[in-house]
C-alpha atoms as a PDB file:
ATOM      1  CA  MET A   1      25.145 -26.392 -53.794  1.00  0.00           C
ATOM      2  CA  ASN A   2      28.408 -26.791 -51.971  1.00  0.00           C
ATOM      3  CA  ILE A   3      30.085 -23.461 -51.068  1.00  0.00           C
ATOM      4  CA  GLN A   4      33.560 -24.674 -52.126  1.00  0.00           C
ATOM      5  CA  LYS A   5      32.126 -25.774 -55.466  1.00  0.00           C
ATOM      6  CA  ILE A   6      30.669 -22.248 -56.050  1.00  0.00           C
ATOM      7  CA  ILE A   7      34.016 -20.668 -55.053  1.00  0.00           C
ATOM      8  CA  LYS A   8      35.844 -22.845 -57.609  1.00  0.00           C
ATOM      9  CA  GLU A   9      33.239 -22.057 -60.286  1.00  0.00           C
ATOM     10  CA  ILE A  10      33.728 -18.338 -59.758  1.00  0.00           C
ATOM     11  CA  GLU A  11      37.517 -18.733 -59.887  1.00  0.00           C
ATOM     12  CA  VAL A  12      37.213 -20.486 -63.258  1.00  0.00           C
ATOM     13  CA  GLN A  13      34.770 -17.852 -64.564  1.00  0.00           C
ATOM     14  CA  ALA A  14      37.042 -15.026 -63.355  1.00  0.00           C
ATOM     15  CA  GLU A  15      40.031 -16.613 -65.131  1.00  0.00           C
ATOM     16  CA  LYS A  16      38.081 -16.937 -68.400  1.00  0.00           C
ATOM     17  CA  GLU A  17      36.434 -13.549 -68.298  1.00  0.00           C
ATOM     18  CA  ASN A  18      39.285 -11.669 -66.626  1.00  0.00           C
ATOM     19  CA  LEU A  19      37.153 -10.598 -63.628  1.00  0.00           C
ATOM     20  CA  PRO A  20      39.171  -8.844 -60.929  1.00  0.00           C
ATOM     21  CA  ILE A  21      38.139 -11.024 -57.995  1.00  0.00           C
ATOM     22  CA  ILE A  22      40.310 -11.059 -54.913  1.00  0.00           C
ATOM     23  CA  GLY A  23      41.523 -14.592 -55.809  1.00  0.00           C
ATOM     24  CA  PRO A  24      42.364 -17.679 -53.724  1.00  0.00           C
ATOM     25  CA  GLU A  25      45.594 -16.395 -52.046  1.00  0.00           C
ATOM     26  CA  LYS A  26      44.242 -13.030 -50.797  1.00  0.00           C
ATOM     27  CA  GLY A  27      40.819 -14.641 -50.291  1.00  0.00           C
ATOM     28  CA  LYS A  28      42.253 -17.149 -47.848  1.00  0.00           C
ATOM     29  CA  VAL A  29      43.860 -14.327 -45.816  1.00  0.00           C
ATOM     30  CA  LEU A  30      40.591 -12.362 -45.806  1.00  0.00           C
ATOM     31  CA  ALA A  31      38.605 -15.409 -44.648  1.00  0.00           C
ATOM     32  CA  GLU A  32      41.234 -16.060 -41.909  1.00  0.00           C
ATOM     33  CA  MET A  33      40.846 -12.468 -40.728  1.00  0.00           C
ATOM     34  CA  VAL A  34      37.059 -12.969 -40.404  1.00  0.00           C
ATOM     35  CA  GLY A  35      37.815 -16.074 -38.424  1.00  0.00           C
ATOM     36  CA  LYS A  36      40.296 -14.219 -36.211  1.00  0.00           C
ATOM     37  CA  TYR A  37      38.256 -11.091 -35.482  1.00  0.00           C
ATOM     38  CA  LYS A  38      34.829 -12.825 -35.315  1.00  0.00           C
ATOM     39  CA  PRO A  39      32.795  -9.813 -36.511  1.00  0.00           C
ATOM     40  CA  ARG A  40      29.034  -9.760 -36.008  1.00  0.00           C
ATOM     41  CA  ARG A  41      28.390  -7.415 -38.914  1.00  0.00           C
ATOM     42  CA  ILE A  42      30.535  -6.930 -42.018  1.00  0.00           C
ATOM     43  CA  LEU A  43      30.197  -4.236 -44.622  1.00  0.00           C
ATOM     44  CA  GLU A  44      31.686  -4.985 -48.049  1.00  0.00           C
ATOM     45  CA  ILE A  45      32.057  -2.140 -50.486  1.00  0.00           C
ATOM     46  CA  GLY A  46      32.238  -3.608 -54.012  1.00  0.00           C
ATOM     47  CA  THR A  47      30.558  -7.056 -54.401  1.00  0.00           C
ATOM     48  CA  LEU A  48      31.498  -7.789 -58.040  1.00  0.00           C
ATOM     49  CA  VAL A  49      30.267 -11.394 -58.429  1.00  0.00           C
ATOM     50  CA  GLY A  50      30.046 -12.249 -54.748  1.00  0.00           C
ATOM     51  CA  TYR A  51      33.310 -14.155 -54.387  1.00  0.00           C
ATOM     52  CA  SER A  52      34.779 -12.393 -51.337  1.00  0.00           C
ATOM     53  CA  ALA A  53      31.342 -12.113 -49.650  1.00  0.00           C
ATOM     54  CA  ILE A  54      30.892 -15.862 -49.960  1.00  0.00           C
ATOM     55  CA  LEU A  55      34.417 -16.496 -48.606  1.00  0.00           C
ATOM     56  CA  MET A  56      33.760 -14.264 -45.600  1.00  0.00           C
ATOM     57  CA  ALA A  57      30.246 -15.666 -44.989  1.00  0.00           C
ATOM     58  CA  GLU A  58      31.650 -19.170 -44.688  1.00  0.00           C
ATOM     59  CA  ASN A  59      33.341 -18.101 -41.422  1.00  0.00           C
ATOM     60  CA  LEU A  60      30.296 -16.402 -39.895  1.00  0.00           C
ATOM     61  CA  SER A  61      28.161 -17.961 -37.175  1.00  0.00           C
ATOM     62  CA  GLU A  62      24.395 -17.942 -36.930  1.00  0.00           C
ATOM     63  CA  GLY A  63      22.952 -14.429 -36.589  1.00  0.00           C
ATOM     64  CA  GLU A  64      26.038 -12.697 -38.056  1.00  0.00           C
ATOM     65  CA  GLU A  65      25.672 -10.905 -41.370  1.00  0.00           C
ATOM     66  CA  ILE A  66      27.407  -9.269 -44.320  1.00  0.00           C
ATOM     67  CA  ILE A  67      25.942  -6.288 -46.116  1.00  0.00           C
ATOM     68  CA  THR A  68      27.568  -5.908 -49.523  1.00  0.00           C
ATOM     69  CA  LEU A  69      27.141  -3.011 -51.936  1.00  0.00           C
ATOM     70  CA  GLU A  70      27.452  -3.163 -55.727  1.00  0.00           C
ATOM     71  CA  VAL A  71      27.077  -0.301 -58.210  1.00  0.00           C
ATOM     72  CA  SER A  72      27.044  -2.381 -61.436  1.00  0.00           C
ATOM     73  CA  ARG A  73      23.640  -3.874 -62.316  1.00  0.00           C
ATOM     74  CA  LEU A  74      25.260  -6.840 -64.170  1.00  0.00           C
ATOM     75  CA  SER A  75      27.656  -7.663 -61.312  1.00  0.00           C
ATOM     76  CA  PHE A  76      24.809  -7.297 -58.804  1.00  0.00           C
ATOM     77  CA  GLU A  77      22.665  -9.833 -60.678  1.00  0.00           C
ATOM     78  CA  MET A  78      25.606 -12.275 -61.016  1.00  0.00           C
ATOM     79  CA  ALA A  79      26.499 -11.910 -57.337  1.00  0.00           C
ATOM     80  CA  LYS A  80      22.879 -12.428 -56.301  1.00  0.00           C
ATOM     81  CA  GLU A  81      22.779 -15.667 -58.258  1.00  0.00           C
ATOM     82  CA  ASN A  82      26.100 -16.924 -56.818  1.00  0.00           C
ATOM     83  CA  ILE A  83      25.013 -16.103 -53.236  1.00  0.00           C
ATOM     84  CA  GLN A  84      21.720 -18.006 -53.798  1.00  0.00           C
ATOM     85  CA  LYS A  85      23.593 -20.973 -55.291  1.00  0.00           C
ATOM     86  CA  ALA A  86      25.863 -20.993 -52.221  1.00  0.00           C
ATOM     87  CA  GLY A  87      22.711 -20.937 -50.008  1.00  0.00           C
ATOM     88  CA  LEU A  88      23.941 -17.873 -48.138  1.00  0.00           C
ATOM     89  CA  GLU A  89      21.040 -15.433 -48.625  1.00  0.00           C
ATOM     90  CA  ASN A  90      20.426 -15.645 -44.865  1.00  0.00           C
ATOM     91  CA  LYS A  91      23.956 -14.353 -44.160  1.00  0.00           C
ATOM     92  CA  ILE A  92      24.600 -12.003 -47.123  1.00  0.00           C
ATOM     93  CA  LYS A  93      22.413  -9.029 -47.969  1.00  0.00           C
ATOM     94  CA  ILE A  94      23.330  -7.477 -51.261  1.00  0.00           C
ATOM     95  CA  ILE A  95      22.294  -3.873 -52.031  1.00  0.00           C
ATOM     96  CA  PHE A  96      22.399  -2.294 -55.498  1.00  0.00           C
ATOM     97  CA  GLY A  97      23.550   1.304 -55.773  1.00  0.00           C
ATOM     98  CA  SER A  98      26.293   3.795 -55.019  1.00  0.00           C
ATOM     99  CA  ALA A  99      28.124   3.058 -51.762  1.00  0.00           C
ATOM    100  CA  LEU A 100      28.516   6.752 -50.902  1.00  0.00           C
ATOM    101  CA  LYS A 101      24.701   7.189 -51.102  1.00  0.00           C
ATOM    102  CA  ILE A 102      23.848   3.917 -49.315  1.00  0.00           C
ATOM    103  CA  ILE A 103      26.350   3.997 -46.391  1.00  0.00           C
ATOM    104  CA  PRO A 104      24.776   7.015 -44.638  1.00  0.00           C
ATOM    105  CA  GLU A 105      21.391   5.246 -44.709  1.00  0.00           C
ATOM    106  CA  LEU A 106      22.642   2.000 -43.152  1.00  0.00           C
ATOM    107  CA  ASP A 107      21.549   1.287 -39.567  1.00  0.00           C
ATOM    108  CA  GLY A 108      23.675  -0.055 -36.727  1.00  0.00           C
ATOM    109  CA  LYS A 109      27.395  -0.558 -36.254  1.00  0.00           C
ATOM    110  CA  PHE A 110      29.898  -2.616 -38.248  1.00  0.00           C
ATOM    111  CA  ASN A 111      32.778  -4.576 -36.765  1.00  0.00           C
ATOM    112  CA  PHE A 112      34.559  -5.330 -40.047  1.00  0.00           C
ATOM    113  CA  VAL A 113      34.697  -3.519 -43.389  1.00  0.00           C
ATOM    114  CA  PHE A 114      36.182  -4.809 -46.634  1.00  0.00           C
ATOM    115  CA  ILE A 115      36.798  -2.169 -49.334  1.00  0.00           C
ATOM    116  CA  ASP A 116      37.327  -3.334 -52.897  1.00  0.00           C
ATOM    117  CA  ALA A 117      35.645  -0.813 -55.186  1.00  0.00           C
ATOM    118  CA  GLU A 118      36.603   2.419 -57.005  1.00  0.00           C
ATOM    119  CA  LYS A 119      40.217   2.885 -55.933  1.00  0.00           C
ATOM    120  CA  LYS A 120      40.223   6.737 -55.882  1.00  0.00           C
ATOM    121  CA  GLU A 121      37.185   6.711 -53.551  1.00  0.00           C
ATOM    122  CA  TYR A 122      38.654   4.568 -50.706  1.00  0.00           C
ATOM    123  CA  LEU A 123      39.030   7.528 -48.321  1.00  0.00           C
ATOM    124  CA  LYS A 124      35.523   8.733 -49.095  1.00  0.00           C
ATOM    125  CA  TYR A 125      34.143   5.277 -48.365  1.00  0.00           C
ATOM    126  CA  LEU A 126      36.057   5.110 -45.063  1.00  0.00           C
ATOM    127  CA  LYS A 127      34.938   8.551 -43.916  1.00  0.00           C
ATOM    128  CA  ALA A 128      31.332   7.704 -44.740  1.00  0.00           C
ATOM    129  CA  ILE A 129      31.443   4.499 -42.695  1.00  0.00           C
ATOM    130  CA  GLU A 130      33.565   5.833 -39.792  1.00  0.00           C
ATOM    131  CA  PRO A 131      30.605   6.970 -37.671  1.00  0.00           C
ATOM    132  CA  LYS A 132      29.184   3.435 -37.959  1.00  0.00           C
ATOM    133  CA  LEU A 133      32.362   1.595 -36.933  1.00  0.00           C
ATOM    134  CA  SER A 134      32.203  -0.276 -33.636  1.00  0.00           C
ATOM    135  CA  THR A 135      34.825   0.375 -30.980  1.00  0.00           C
ATOM    136  CA  ARG A 136      37.283  -2.291 -32.193  1.00  0.00           C
ATOM    137  CA  ALA A 137      36.368  -2.371 -35.880  1.00  0.00           C
ATOM    138  CA  VAL A 138      38.799  -3.611 -38.536  1.00  0.00           C
ATOM    139  CA  VAL A 139      38.963  -2.151 -42.050  1.00  0.00           C
ATOM    140  CA  VAL A 140      40.582  -4.157 -44.832  1.00  0.00           C
ATOM    141  CA  ALA A 141      41.402  -2.452 -48.140  1.00  0.00           C
ATOM    142  CA  ASP A 142      42.310  -4.469 -51.226  1.00  0.00           C
ATOM    143  CA  ASN A 143      44.696  -3.558 -54.075  1.00  0.00           C
ATOM    144  CA  VAL A 144      46.942  -1.197 -52.069  1.00  0.00           C
ATOM    145  CA  GLY A 145      49.942  -2.661 -53.840  1.00  0.00           C
ATOM    146  CA  LYS A 146      48.749  -2.434 -57.428  1.00  0.00           C
ATOM    147  CA  PHE A 147      46.941   0.879 -57.131  1.00  0.00           C
ATOM    148  CA  ASN A 148      48.690   2.626 -54.219  1.00  0.00           C
ATOM    149  CA  GLU A 149      49.135   5.870 -56.171  1.00  0.00           C
ATOM    150  CA  LYS A 150      45.338   6.141 -56.593  1.00  0.00           C
ATOM    151  CA  MET A 151      44.715   5.694 -52.855  1.00  0.00           C
ATOM    152  CA  GLN A 152      47.635   7.538 -51.298  1.00  0.00           C
ATOM    153  CA  ASP A 153      45.236   9.796 -49.377  1.00  0.00           C
ATOM    154  CA  TYR A 154      43.540   6.700 -47.883  1.00  0.00           C
ATOM    155  CA  LEU A 155      46.871   5.084 -46.940  1.00  0.00           C
ATOM    156  CA  ASP A 156      48.153   8.336 -45.332  1.00  0.00           C
ATOM    157  CA  TYR A 157      44.900   8.607 -43.342  1.00  0.00           C
ATOM    158  CA  VAL A 158      44.931   5.037 -41.879  1.00  0.00           C
ATOM    159  CA  ARG A 159      48.702   4.909 -41.365  1.00  0.00           C
ATOM    160  CA  ASN A 160      49.316   8.421 -39.960  1.00  0.00           C
ATOM    161  CA  GLY A 161      45.975   9.885 -38.878  1.00  0.00           C
ATOM    162  CA  GLY A 162      46.037   8.429 -35.378  1.00  0.00           C
ATOM    163  CA  LYS A 163      42.617   6.810 -35.666  1.00  0.00           C
ATOM    164  CA  PHE A 164      43.851   3.399 -36.809  1.00  0.00           C
ATOM    165  CA  LYS A 165      46.700   0.983 -36.217  1.00  0.00           C
ATOM    166  CA  SER A 166      47.488  -0.085 -39.754  1.00  0.00           C
ATOM    167  CA  HIS A 167      49.747  -2.675 -41.405  1.00  0.00           C
ATOM    168  CA  THR A 168      50.196  -3.990 -44.921  1.00  0.00           C
ATOM    169  CA  VAL A 169      49.886  -7.607 -45.933  1.00  0.00           C
ATOM    170  CA  ASP A 170      52.131  -7.961 -48.986  1.00  0.00           C
ATOM    171  CA  PHE A 171      51.532 -10.701 -51.531  1.00  0.00           C
ATOM    172  CA  GLY A 172      54.287  -9.596 -53.963  1.00  0.00           C
ATOM    173  CA  TYR A 173      51.946  -8.969 -56.911  1.00  0.00           C
ATOM    174  CA  ASP A 174      49.575  -6.844 -54.718  1.00  0.00           C
ATOM    175  CA  ALA A 175      48.820  -5.999 -51.068  1.00  0.00           C
ATOM    176  CA  MET A 176      46.002  -5.428 -48.599  1.00  0.00           C
ATOM    177  CA  GLU A 177      45.955  -2.837 -45.865  1.00  0.00           C
ATOM    178  CA  VAL A 178      44.552  -3.980 -42.484  1.00  0.00           C
ATOM    179  CA  SER A 179      43.562  -1.114 -40.181  1.00  0.00           C
ATOM    180  CA  GLU A 180      42.332  -1.692 -36.653  1.00  0.00           C
ATOM    181  CA  LYS A 181      40.431   1.133 -35.031  1.00  0.00           C
ATOM    182  CA  ASN A 182      42.790   2.676 -32.496  1.00  0.00           C
ATOM    183  CA  THR A 183      41.365   2.468 -28.964  1.00  0.00           C
ATOM    184  CA  LYS A 184      43.242   3.617 -25.926  1.00  0.00           C
ATOM    185  CA  VAL A 185      41.851   0.883 -23.721  1.00  0.00           C
ATOM    186  CA  VAL A 186      41.718  -2.470 -25.442  1.00  0.00           C
ATOM    187  CA  PRO A 187      39.043  -4.628 -23.783  1.00  0.00           C
ATOM    188  CA  SER A 188      40.032  -8.231 -23.192  1.00  0.00           C
ATOM    189  CA  GLY A 189      37.962 -11.249 -24.167  1.00  0.00           C
ATOM    190  CA  PRO A 190      36.401 -12.175 -27.515  1.00  0.00           C
ATOM    191  CA  PHE A 191      35.907  -9.610 -30.251  1.00  0.00           C
ATOM    192  CA  LEU A 192      32.611  -8.053 -29.397  1.00  0.00           C
ATOM    193  CA  GLY A 193      32.939  -4.709 -31.118  1.00  0.00           C
END
């Protein structure tokens, strides 16, 4: 099935069932970031029904992958089905379980992380994945407008901790925080991580 068709179907379902997907406006920006940074490996924390993973996977080249983590069995099954329908099982690996338990067991480095899960846990997720971030990794956190009071510790850490260069993308009704790993020497050339 056509990827765009699946994306539209999920948007309609989300509208009907009030599912908190990232939505078309923020989704477009997320997909553009994947196009801009060209990550080889993406970690997504919070799959829900697979909408954002599918959007990001559309911009990946051969051999690049997304690992996405989901703690709800129902969401995991729905996401699995959507990813299969989109024909993206070769690019998206979905893992069921608690992100804080799974992250330490993941092998290799990640160039790009998208966090859209339990709002109060954002800083815990980031600290768990930090040792596995590549040199020039980018971390994108959703809902920092709507739920900023629940993730103030996370925002303080990425904005003022010295480890990241961070900025907010404001959509009016919500916002995303984009944090680039702070490196003293920025290598030139394509994003290799």
